[in-house]
C-alpha atoms as a PDB file:
ATOM      1  CA  MET A   1     248.469  19.700  15.615  1.00  0.00           C
ATOM      2  CA  GLY A   2     246.179  22.638  16.312  1.00  0.00           C
ATOM      3  CA  GLY A   3     243.024  21.773  18.217  1.00  0.00           C
ATOM      4  CA  SER A   4     239.568  23.202  17.737  1.00  0.00           C
ATOM      5  CA  HIS A   5     236.356  23.813  19.691  1.00  0.00           C
ATOM      6  CA  VAL A   6     232.786  24.949  18.921  1.00  0.00           C
ATOM      7  CA  HIS A   7     230.746  27.245  20.979  1.00  0.00           C
ATOM      8  CA  HIS A   8     227.142  28.483  20.939  1.00  0.00           C
ATOM      9  CA  LEU A   9     226.505  32.156  21.457  1.00  0.00           C
ATOM     10  CA  GLY A  10     223.416  33.415  23.288  1.00  0.00           C
ATOM     11  CA  ASN A  11     222.060  34.573  26.613  1.00  0.00           C
ATOM     12  CA  GLU A  12     221.356  31.048  27.825  1.00  0.00           C
ATOM     13  CA  LYS A  13     224.387  29.175  26.505  1.00  0.00           C
ATOM     14  CA  GLY A  14     227.064  31.879  26.813  1.00  0.00           C
ATOM     15  CA  ALA A  15     230.336  32.347  24.955  1.00  0.00           C
ATOM     16  CA  LEU A  16     231.715  35.247  23.105  1.00  0.00           C
ATOM     17  CA  MET A  17     231.471  36.491  19.533  1.00  0.00           C
ATOM     18  CA  SER A  18     232.671  39.387  17.432  1.00  0.00           C
ATOM     19  CA  GLY A  19     232.486  41.088  14.260  1.00  0.00           C
ATOM     20  CA  ARG A  20     235.353  43.359  14.394  1.00  0.00           C
ATOM     21  CA  GLY A  21     237.031  45.527  11.788  1.00  0.00           C
ATOM     22  CA  PRO A  22     240.534  46.786  11.636  1.00  0.00           C
ATOM     23  CA  LEU A  23     239.721  49.827  13.753  1.00  0.00           C
ATOM     24  CA  LEU A  24     241.022  49.037  17.204  1.00  0.00           C
ATOM     25  CA  GLY A  25     244.671  49.714  16.612  1.00  0.00           C
ATOM     26  CA  THR A  26     246.954  50.153  19.589  1.00  0.00           C
ATOM     27  CA  LEU A  27     244.271  49.436  22.237  1.00  0.00           C
ATOM     28  CA  VAL A  28     243.723  45.933  20.741  1.00  0.00           C
ATOM     29  CA  ALA A  29     247.438  45.167  20.838  1.00  0.00           C
ATOM     30  CA  ILE A  30     247.639  46.262  24.499  1.00  0.00           C
ATOM     31  CA  ALA A  31     244.622  44.272  25.545  1.00  0.00           C
ATOM     32  CA  PHE A  32     245.707  41.074  23.751  1.00  0.00           C
ATOM     33  CA  ALA A  33     249.252  41.435  24.911  1.00  0.00           C
ATOM     34  CA  VAL A  34     248.190  41.111  28.575  1.00  0.00           C
ATOM     35  CA  ALA A  35     245.476  38.614  28.017  1.00  0.00           C
ATOM     36  CA  ALA A  36     246.912  36.160  25.528  1.00  0.00           C
ATOM     37  CA  ALA A  37     249.300  33.291  26.151  1.00  0.00           C
ATOM     38  CA  PRO A  38     250.644  30.864  23.610  1.00  0.00           C
ATOM     39  CA  ALA A  39     248.823  27.922  25.171  1.00  0.00           C
ATOM     40  CA  SER A  40     245.454  29.570  24.568  1.00  0.00           C
ATOM     41  CA  ALA A  41     246.079  31.559  21.391  1.00  0.00           C
ATOM     42  CA  THR A  42     243.445  30.856  18.773  1.00  0.00           C
ATOM     43  CA  VAL A  43     241.847  31.823  15.469  1.00  0.00           C
ATOM     44  CA  ASP A  44     238.105  32.103  16.188  1.00  0.00           C
ATOM     45  CA  VAL A  45     235.486  32.007  13.376  1.00  0.00           C
ATOM     46  CA  THR A  46     232.039  33.342  14.194  1.00  0.00           C
ATOM     47  CA  ASN A  47     228.913  32.810  12.044  1.00  0.00           C
ATOM     48  CA  HIS A  48     225.946  35.260  11.914  1.00  0.00           C
ATOM     49  CA  ASN A  49     222.938  34.721   9.748  1.00  0.00           C
ATOM     50  CA  ASP A  50     220.771  37.670   8.590  1.00  0.00           C
ATOM     51  CA  PRO A  51     218.125  37.740   9.780  1.00  0.00           C
ATOM     52  CA  ALA A  52     219.303  36.650  13.189  1.00  0.00           C
ATOM     53  CA  GLY A  53     217.905  33.219  14.157  1.00  0.00           C
ATOM     54  CA  ASP A  54     217.700  31.857  10.636  1.00  0.00           C
ATOM     55  CA  PRO A  55     218.380  28.099  11.048  1.00  0.00           C
ATOM     56  CA  THR A  56     220.452  27.704   7.850  1.00  0.00           C
ATOM     57  CA  VAL A  57     223.802  25.964   8.613  1.00  0.00           C
ATOM     58  CA  ILE A  58     226.731  27.629   6.923  1.00  0.00           C
ATOM     59  CA  SER A  59     229.810  25.608   5.942  1.00  0.00           C
ATOM     60  CA  TYR A  60     233.367  26.883   6.304  1.00  0.00           C
ATOM     61  CA  ARG A  61     236.855  25.702   5.343  1.00  0.00           C
ATOM     62  CA  ILE A  62     240.056  26.651   7.133  1.00  0.00           C
ATOM     63  CA  GLN A  63     243.659  26.008   6.136  1.00  0.00           C
ATOM     64  CA  ILE A  64     246.004  26.104   9.143  1.00  0.00           C
ATOM     65  CA  PRO A  65     249.722  25.767   9.236  1.00  0.00           C
ATOM     66  CA  SER A  66     249.731  22.656  11.434  1.00  0.00           C
ATOM     67  CA  GLN A  67     247.714  20.532   8.964  1.00  0.00           C
ATOM     68  CA  ALA A  68     248.337  19.862   5.391  1.00  0.00           C
ATOM     69  CA  ALA A  69     244.688  19.207   4.501  1.00  0.00           C
ATOM     70  CA  PRO A  70     242.029  21.960   5.007  1.00  0.00           C
ATOM     71  CA  ILE A  71     239.468  21.500   7.792  1.00  0.00           C
ATOM     72  CA  ASP A  72     235.792  21.696   6.882  1.00  0.00           C
ATOM     73  CA  PHE A  73     233.235  22.671   9.586  1.00  0.00           C
ATOM     74  CA  ALA A  74     229.719  24.050   9.863  1.00  0.00           C
ATOM     75  CA  LEU A  75     228.199  26.707  12.127  1.00  0.00           C
ATOM     76  CA  ARG A  76     224.706  27.789  12.902  1.00  0.00           C
ATOM     77  CA  ASP A  77     223.659  31.320  13.574  1.00  0.00           C
ATOM     78  CA  GLY A  78     225.536  32.575  16.706  1.00  0.00           C
ATOM     79  CA  GLU A  79     228.073  29.755  16.847  1.00  0.00           C
ATOM     80  CA  TYR A  80     231.823  30.043  16.596  1.00  0.00           C
ATOM     81  CA  LYS A  81     234.726  27.664  16.453  1.00  0.00           C
ATOM     82  CA  GLY A  82     238.390  28.144  17.556  1.00  0.00           C
ATOM     83  CA  PHE A  83     241.603  26.679  16.246  1.00  0.00           C
ATOM     84  CA  GLY A  84     245.082  26.659  17.746  1.00  0.00           C
ATOM     85  CA  PRO A  85     247.591  27.152  18.944  1.00  0.00           C
ATOM     86  CA  PHE A  86     249.914  27.340  15.917  1.00  0.00           C
ATOM     87  CA  GLN A  87     251.563  30.057  13.825  1.00  0.00           C
ATOM     88  CA  GLY A  88     251.740  31.003  10.149  1.00  0.00           C
ATOM     89  CA  ALA A  89     249.387  31.801   7.324  1.00  0.00           C
ATOM     90  CA  VAL A  90     245.754  30.930   7.779  1.00  0.00           C
ATOM     91  CA  VAL A  91     242.908  31.012   5.167  1.00  0.00           C
ATOM     92  CA  VAL A  92     239.203  30.959   6.207  1.00  0.00           C
ATOM     93  CA  GLN A  93     236.658  30.441   3.457  1.00  0.00           C
ATOM     94  CA  ALA A  94     232.822  30.645   3.790  1.00  0.00           C
ATOM     95  CA  LEU A  95     231.036  28.016   1.676  1.00  0.00           C
ATOM     96  CA  VAL A  96     227.586  29.453   1.626  1.00  0.00           C
ATOM     97  CA  PRO A  97     224.731  27.436   0.153  1.00  0.00           C
ATOM     98  CA  ALA A  98     223.015  28.282  -3.068  1.00  0.00           C
ATOM     99  CA  GLY A  99     221.032  31.495  -2.866  1.00  0.00           C
ATOM    100  CA  TRP A 100     223.161  32.887  -0.063  1.00  0.00           C
ATOM    101  CA  GLU A 101     226.064  35.418  -0.011  1.00  0.00           C
ATOM    102  CA  VAL A 102     228.564  36.677   2.421  1.00  0.00           C
ATOM    103  CA  ALA A 103     227.395  40.222   3.393  1.00  0.00           C
ATOM    104  CA  ASP A 104     230.180  41.229   5.725  1.00  0.00           C
ATOM    105  CA  ILE A 105     233.381  40.045   7.326  1.00  0.00           C
ATOM    106  CA  GLN A 106     234.999  41.736  10.304  1.00  0.00           C
ATOM    107  CA  CYS A 107     238.241  40.601  11.989  1.00  0.00           C
ATOM    108  CA  THR A 108     240.318  41.828  14.864  1.00  0.00           C
ATOM    109  CA  GLY A 109     243.530  40.937  16.671  1.00  0.00           C
ATOM    110  CA  PRO A 110     246.806  42.371  17.927  1.00  0.00           C
ATOM    111  CA  ASN A 111     247.784  43.517  14.441  1.00  0.00           C
ATOM    112  CA  PRO A 112     245.048  44.824  12.175  1.00  0.00           C
ATOM    113  CA  ALA A 113     247.417  44.587   9.239  1.00  0.00           C
ATOM    114  CA  ALA A 114     247.526  40.765   9.629  1.00  0.00           C
ATOM    115  CA  PHE A 115     244.094  40.434   7.979  1.00  0.00           C
ATOM    116  CA  THR A 116     243.321  40.462   4.229  1.00  0.00           C
ATOM    117  CA  ILE A 117     239.478  40.508   3.955  1.00  0.00           C
ATOM    118  CA  ASP A 118     237.842  39.565   0.633  1.00  0.00           C
ATOM    119  CA  VAL A 119     234.080  39.909   1.137  1.00  0.00           C
ATOM    120  CA  PRO A 120     232.917  39.202  -2.472  1.00  0.00           C
ATOM    121  CA  ASN A 121     234.741  35.855  -2.374  1.00  0.00           C
ATOM    122  CA  GLY A 122     233.779  35.161   1.304  1.00  0.00           C
ATOM    123  CA  ARG A 123     237.437  34.729   2.332  1.00  0.00           C
ATOM    124  CA  VAL A 124     239.952  35.955   4.920  1.00  0.00           C
ATOM    125  CA  THR A 125     243.721  35.401   4.762  1.00  0.00           C
ATOM    126  CA  LEU A 126     245.638  36.197   7.989  1.00  0.00           C
ATOM    127  CA  MET A 127     249.001  35.819   9.620  1.00  0.00           C
ATOM    128  CA  HIS A 128     248.740  34.169  13.014  1.00  0.00           C
ATOM    129  CA  GLY A 129     251.428  34.561  15.611  1.00  0.00           C
ATOM    130  CA  ILE A 130     251.920  31.857  18.231  1.00  0.00           C
ATOM    131  CA  SER A 131     250.648  34.162  20.977  1.00  0.00           C
ATOM    132  CA  ASP A 132     247.931  35.900  19.006  1.00  0.00           C
ATOM    133  CA  GLU A 133     244.183  35.684  19.575  1.00  0.00           C
ATOM    134  CA  GLN A 134     242.364  36.641  16.440  1.00  0.00           C
ATOM    135  CA  PHE A 135     238.664  36.796  15.706  1.00  0.00           C
ATOM    136  CA  CYS A 136     236.820  36.856  12.418  1.00  0.00           C
ATOM    137  CA  SER A 137     232.971  37.232  12.195  1.00  0.00           C
ATOM    138  CA  PHE A 138     231.108  36.387   9.025  1.00  0.00           C
ATOM    139  CA  THR A 139     227.561  37.722   8.317  1.00  0.00           C
ATOM    140  CA  ASN A 140     225.671  35.711   5.739  1.00  0.00           C
ATOM    141  CA  ARG A 141     222.354  36.500   4.090  1.00  0.00           C
ATOM    142  CA  ARG A 142     220.023  35.326   1.325  1.00  0.00           C
ATOM    143  CA  LYS A 143     220.635  37.013  -1.988  1.00  0.00           C
ATOM    144  CA  SER A 144     218.176  39.691  -2.935  1.00  0.00           C
ATOM    145  CA  ALA A 145     215.850  39.140  -5.944  1.00  0.00           C
ATOM    146  CA  SER A 146     217.962  41.419  -7.977  1.00  0.00           C
ATOM    147  CA  GLY A 147     221.079  39.322  -7.184  1.00  0.00           C
ATOM    148  CA  GLY A 148     223.033  42.353  -5.809  1.00  0.00           C
ATOM    149  CA  SER A 149     225.635  41.858  -3.162  1.00  0.00           C
ATOM    150  CA  SER A 150     227.220  44.018  -0.577  1.00  0.00           C
ATOM    151  CA  SER A 151     230.514  45.809  -1.003  1.00  0.00           C
ATOM    152  CA  GLY A 152     233.767  44.908   0.745  1.00  0.00           C
ATOM    153  CA  VAL A 153     234.725  46.133   4.153  1.00  0.00           C
ATOM    154  CA  THR A 154     237.412  48.814   4.170  1.00  0.00           C
ATOM    155  CA  PRO A 155     239.156  50.515   7.108  1.00  0.00           C
ATOM    156  CA  THR A 156     237.534  53.644   8.497  1.00  0.00           C
ATOM    157  CA  PRO A 157     239.459  56.822   7.248  1.00  0.00           C
ATOM    158  CA  ALA A 158     240.338  59.616   9.612  1.00  0.00           C
ATOM    159  CA  PRO A 159     237.422  62.035  10.038  1.00  0.00           C
ATOM    160  CA  GLY A 160     237.455  64.776   7.474  1.00  0.00           C
ATOM    161  CA  THR A 161     239.679  63.040   5.002  1.00  0.00           C
ATOM    162  CA  VAL A 162     237.030  61.634   2.678  1.00  0.00           C
ATOM    163  CA  PRO A 163     233.516  62.579   1.795  1.00  0.00           C
ATOM    164  CA  PRO A 164     230.846  61.358   4.307  1.00  0.00           C
ATOM    165  CA  GLN A 165     229.153  59.167   1.594  1.00  0.00           C
ATOM    166  CA  LEU A 166     232.386  57.092   1.345  1.00  0.00           C
ATOM    167  CA  LEU A 167     232.574  56.275   5.045  1.00  0.00           C
ATOM    168  CA  PRO A 168     231.547  52.719   6.188  1.00  0.00           C
ATOM    169  CA  ARG A 169     227.853  52.468   6.764  1.00  0.00           C
ATOM    170  CA  GLY A 170     227.884  49.930   9.620  1.00  0.00           C
ATOM    171  CA  PRO A 171     228.707  50.285  13.309  1.00  0.00           C
ATOM    172  CA  ALA A 172     232.239  49.959  14.600  1.00  0.00           C
ATOM    173  CA  LEU A 173     234.067  49.401  17.846  1.00  0.00           C
ATOM    174  CA  LEU A 174     236.680  52.099  17.989  1.00  0.00           C
ATOM    175  CA  GLY A 175     238.397  51.355  21.314  1.00  0.00           C
ATOM    176  CA  VAL A 176     238.168  49.820  24.744  1.00  0.00           C
ATOM    177  CA  LYS A 177     239.393  50.952  28.144  1.00  0.00           C
ATOM    178  CA  THR A 178     239.035  49.614  31.637  1.00  0.00           C
ATOM    179  CA  GLY A 179     238.916  50.942  35.151  1.00  0.00           C
ATOM    180  CA  ARG A 180     238.266  49.614  38.635  1.00  0.00           C
ATOM    181  CA  GLY A 181     235.341  47.227  38.258  1.00  0.00           C
ATOM    182  CA  TYR A 182     234.279  48.242  34.768  1.00  0.00           C
ATOM    183  CA  ALA A 183     235.053  48.271  31.031  1.00  0.00           C
ATOM    184  CA  ALA A 184     234.041  50.982  28.550  1.00  0.00           C
ATOM    185  CA  ALA A 185     233.745  50.626  24.826  1.00  0.00           C
ATOM    186  CA  THR A 186     233.801  53.506  22.321  1.00  0.00           C
ATOM    187  CA  VAL A 187     231.259  52.680  19.682  1.00  0.00           C
ATOM    188  CA  ARG A 188     230.437  54.436  16.367  1.00  0.00           C
ATOM    189  CA  ILE A 189     226.931  54.021  15.037  1.00  0.00           C
ATOM    190  CA  THR A 190     225.524  55.479  11.873  1.00  0.00           C
ATOM    191  CA  ARG A 191     221.813  55.236  12.687  1.00  0.00           C
ATOM    192  CA  ARG A 192     219.590  54.977  15.801  1.00  0.00           C
ATOM    193  CA  SER A 193     220.644  51.687  17.486  1.00  0.00           C
ATOM    194  CA  VAL A 194     220.300  49.553  20.624  1.00  0.00           C
ATOM    195  CA  ILE A 195     223.727  48.996  22.196  1.00  0.00           C
ATOM    196  CA  LYS A 196     223.909  46.124  24.634  1.00  0.00           C
ATOM    197  CA  THR A 197     227.228  45.494  26.495  1.00  0.00           C
ATOM    198  CA  GLN A 198     228.108  42.493  28.646  1.00  0.00           C
ATOM    199  CA  LEU A 199     231.049  41.216  30.644  1.00  0.00           C
ATOM    200  CA  TRP A 200     231.579  37.479  30.519  1.00  0.00           C
ATOM    201  CA  ARG A 201     233.738  35.382  32.816  1.00  0.00           C
ATOM    202  CA  GLY A 202     233.936  31.984  31.068  1.00  0.00           C
ATOM    203  CA  ARG A 203     230.325  31.085  30.294  1.00  0.00           C
ATOM    204  CA  ARG A 204     228.808  33.373  32.969  1.00  0.00           C
ATOM    205  CA  VAL A 205     227.535  36.896  32.442  1.00  0.00           C
ATOM    206  CA  VAL A 206     228.945  39.042  35.323  1.00  0.00           C
ATOM    207  CA  GLY A 207     227.770  42.460  34.080  1.00  0.00           C
ATOM    208  CA  THR A 208     225.375  43.984  31.593  1.00  0.00           C
ATOM    209  CA  SER A 209     224.033  47.302  30.350  1.00  0.00           C
ATOM    210  CA  ARG A 210     221.762  48.521  27.570  1.00  0.00           C
ATOM    211  CA  VAL A 211     221.226  51.948  25.935  1.00  0.00           C
ATOM    212  CA  VAL A 212     219.569  53.362  22.880  1.00  0.00           C
ATOM    213  CA  ARG A 213     221.381  56.057  20.991  1.00  0.00           C
ATOM    214  CA  LYS A 214     221.035  57.995  17.699  1.00  0.00           C
ATOM    215  CA  ALA A 215     223.891  58.177  15.213  1.00  0.00           C
ATOM    216  CA  GLY A 216     227.140  59.275  16.635  1.00  0.00           C
ATOM    217  CA  VAL A 217     230.175  58.116  18.674  1.00  0.00           C
ATOM    218  CA  TYR A 218     229.547  56.964  22.301  1.00  0.00           C
ATOM    219  CA  ASP A 219     231.350  55.591  25.250  1.00  0.00           C
ATOM    220  CA  VAL A 220     229.236  52.746  26.757  1.00  0.00           C
ATOM    221  CA  THR A 221     230.140  51.398  30.088  1.00  0.00           C
ATOM    222  CA  VAL A 222     229.435  48.059  31.857  1.00  0.00           C
ATOM    223  CA  SER A 223     230.342  47.230  35.433  1.00  0.00           C
ATOM    224  CA  ILE A 224     230.977  43.924  37.125  1.00  0.00           C
ATOM    225  CA  ASP A 225     228.149  42.804  39.337  1.00  0.00           C
ATOM    226  CA  PRO A 226     229.037  44.012  42.968  1.00  0.00           C
ATOM    227  CA  LYS A 227     228.441  40.522  44.327  1.00  0.00           C
ATOM    228  CA  VAL A 228     230.769  38.976  41.833  1.00  0.00           C
ATOM    229  CA  SER A 229     233.394  41.638  42.485  1.00  0.00           C
ATOM    230  CA  ARG A 230     233.199  41.143  46.285  1.00  0.00           C
ATOM    231  CA  SER A 231     233.521  37.383  45.877  1.00  0.00           C
ATOM    232  CA  LEU A 232     236.611  37.690  43.670  1.00  0.00           C
ATOM    233  CA  ARG A 233     238.207  40.141  46.102  1.00  0.00           C
ATOM    234  CA  HIS A 234     237.542  37.681  49.006  1.00  0.00           C
ATOM    235  CA  GLN A 235     239.490  35.125  46.933  1.00  0.00           C
ATOM    236  CA  GLY A 236     242.445  37.470  46.994  1.00  0.00           C
ATOM    237  CA  ARG A 237     242.180  38.567  43.457  1.00  0.00           C
ATOM    238  CA  LYS A 238     243.165  42.057  42.434  1.00  0.00           C
ATOM    239  CA  ARG A 239     242.187  41.817  38.785  1.00  0.00           C
ATOM    240  CA  VAL A 240     240.253  39.395  36.544  1.00  0.00           C
ATOM    241  CA  GLN A 241     240.334  38.613  32.864  1.00  0.00           C
ATOM    242  CA  LEU A 242     236.971  38.996  31.242  1.00  0.00           C
ATOM    243  CA  THR A 243     235.470  39.284  27.729  1.00  0.00           C
ATOM    244  CA  LEU A 244     233.548  42.399  26.765  1.00  0.00           C
ATOM    245  CA  ARG A 245     230.708  41.672  24.392  1.00  0.00           C
ATOM    246  CA  VAL A 246     229.133  44.523  22.522  1.00  0.00           C
ATOM    247  CA  VAL A 247     225.940  43.991  20.511  1.00  0.00           C
ATOM    248  CA  VAL A 248     224.928  46.875  18.216  1.00  0.00           C
ATOM    249  CA  ALA A 249     221.442  46.547  16.677  1.00  0.00           C
ATOM    250  CA  PRO A 250     220.688  49.349  14.286  1.00  0.00           C
ATOM    251  CA  ILE A 251     217.007  50.095  13.689  1.00  0.00           C
ATOM    252  CA  GLY A 252     216.435  48.521  10.269  1.00  0.00           C
ATOM    253  CA  GLY A 253     220.041  47.324   9.813  1.00  0.00           C
ATOM    254  CA  LEU A 254     222.405  44.436  10.370  1.00  0.00           C
ATOM    255  CA  THR A 255     223.139  43.554  13.950  1.00  0.00           C
ATOM    256  CA  ARG A 256     226.906  43.538  14.752  1.00  0.00           C
ATOM    257  CA  VAL A 257     228.537  41.785  17.612  1.00  0.00           C
ATOM    258  CA  PHE A 258     232.022  42.675  18.873  1.00  0.00           C
ATOM    259  CA  ARG A 259     234.056  40.813  21.501  1.00  0.00           C
ATOM    260  CA  TYR A 260     237.150  41.957  23.226  1.00  0.00           C
ATOM    261  CA  ARG A 261     239.415  40.565  25.933  1.00  0.00           C
ATOM    262  CA  VAL A 262     239.911  42.878  28.905  1.00  0.00           C
ATOM    263  CA  LEU A 263     241.728  42.749  32.221  1.00  0.00           C
ATOM    264  CA  VAL A 264     239.684  44.539  34.876  1.00  0.00           C
ATOM    265  CA  ARG A 265     240.949  45.731  38.235  1.00  0.00           C
ATOM    266  CA  LEU A 266     238.844  44.823  41.199  1.00  0.00           C
END
């Protein structure tokens, strides 16, 4: 039977979160191939409230292959829960309280085609492989007075193939690369934003950076703290598995958080 675990996300409590879309492609597959193992493979569900810090608890339901009955659980803003290992079809449903709606869902994993995202119904259907690590991030908000709701998330088309007004309006993580002692994320933002990047080793932050940029595509780099790097090398390590956490806070827009497993050379 697949297990589960709940985590809090934040500077003081640590852990990792994401809101990723199907934009990472081959780089995701490479990173997860080297980082994942069947024993640790999970489906992680992350909850974000808009505005951030809202204390409302959001209920979720997940149907996993290893259990006949669905599993109900609840998450506060910034929490996530993992399930696994198992393989097969998985359905995650947000059960938002009255007056709330699902504003956005972003998922990532080795195969972007494994996800079917249904924002209006607050649901994700995915195919989970025994060695996959897959992440889905839900952003929930109170309904506006007019009762309007957000549109569904669609993959980003290649530049120049569609009119600019049809491109996704939110930020996106386009790719990740690593080098000796650092990780770099390629981030697309559509308005002036604060971009904060962190490297996590377990529950400990081992590197951080922060920049402010106007709309565009940027490479943002975060390095491992030199003291941590020296300590790991003294232990005989040549590389270390970390999680890259990228927080994009558009001025006047929804904050998005992306997380990504990386293997960094020391």
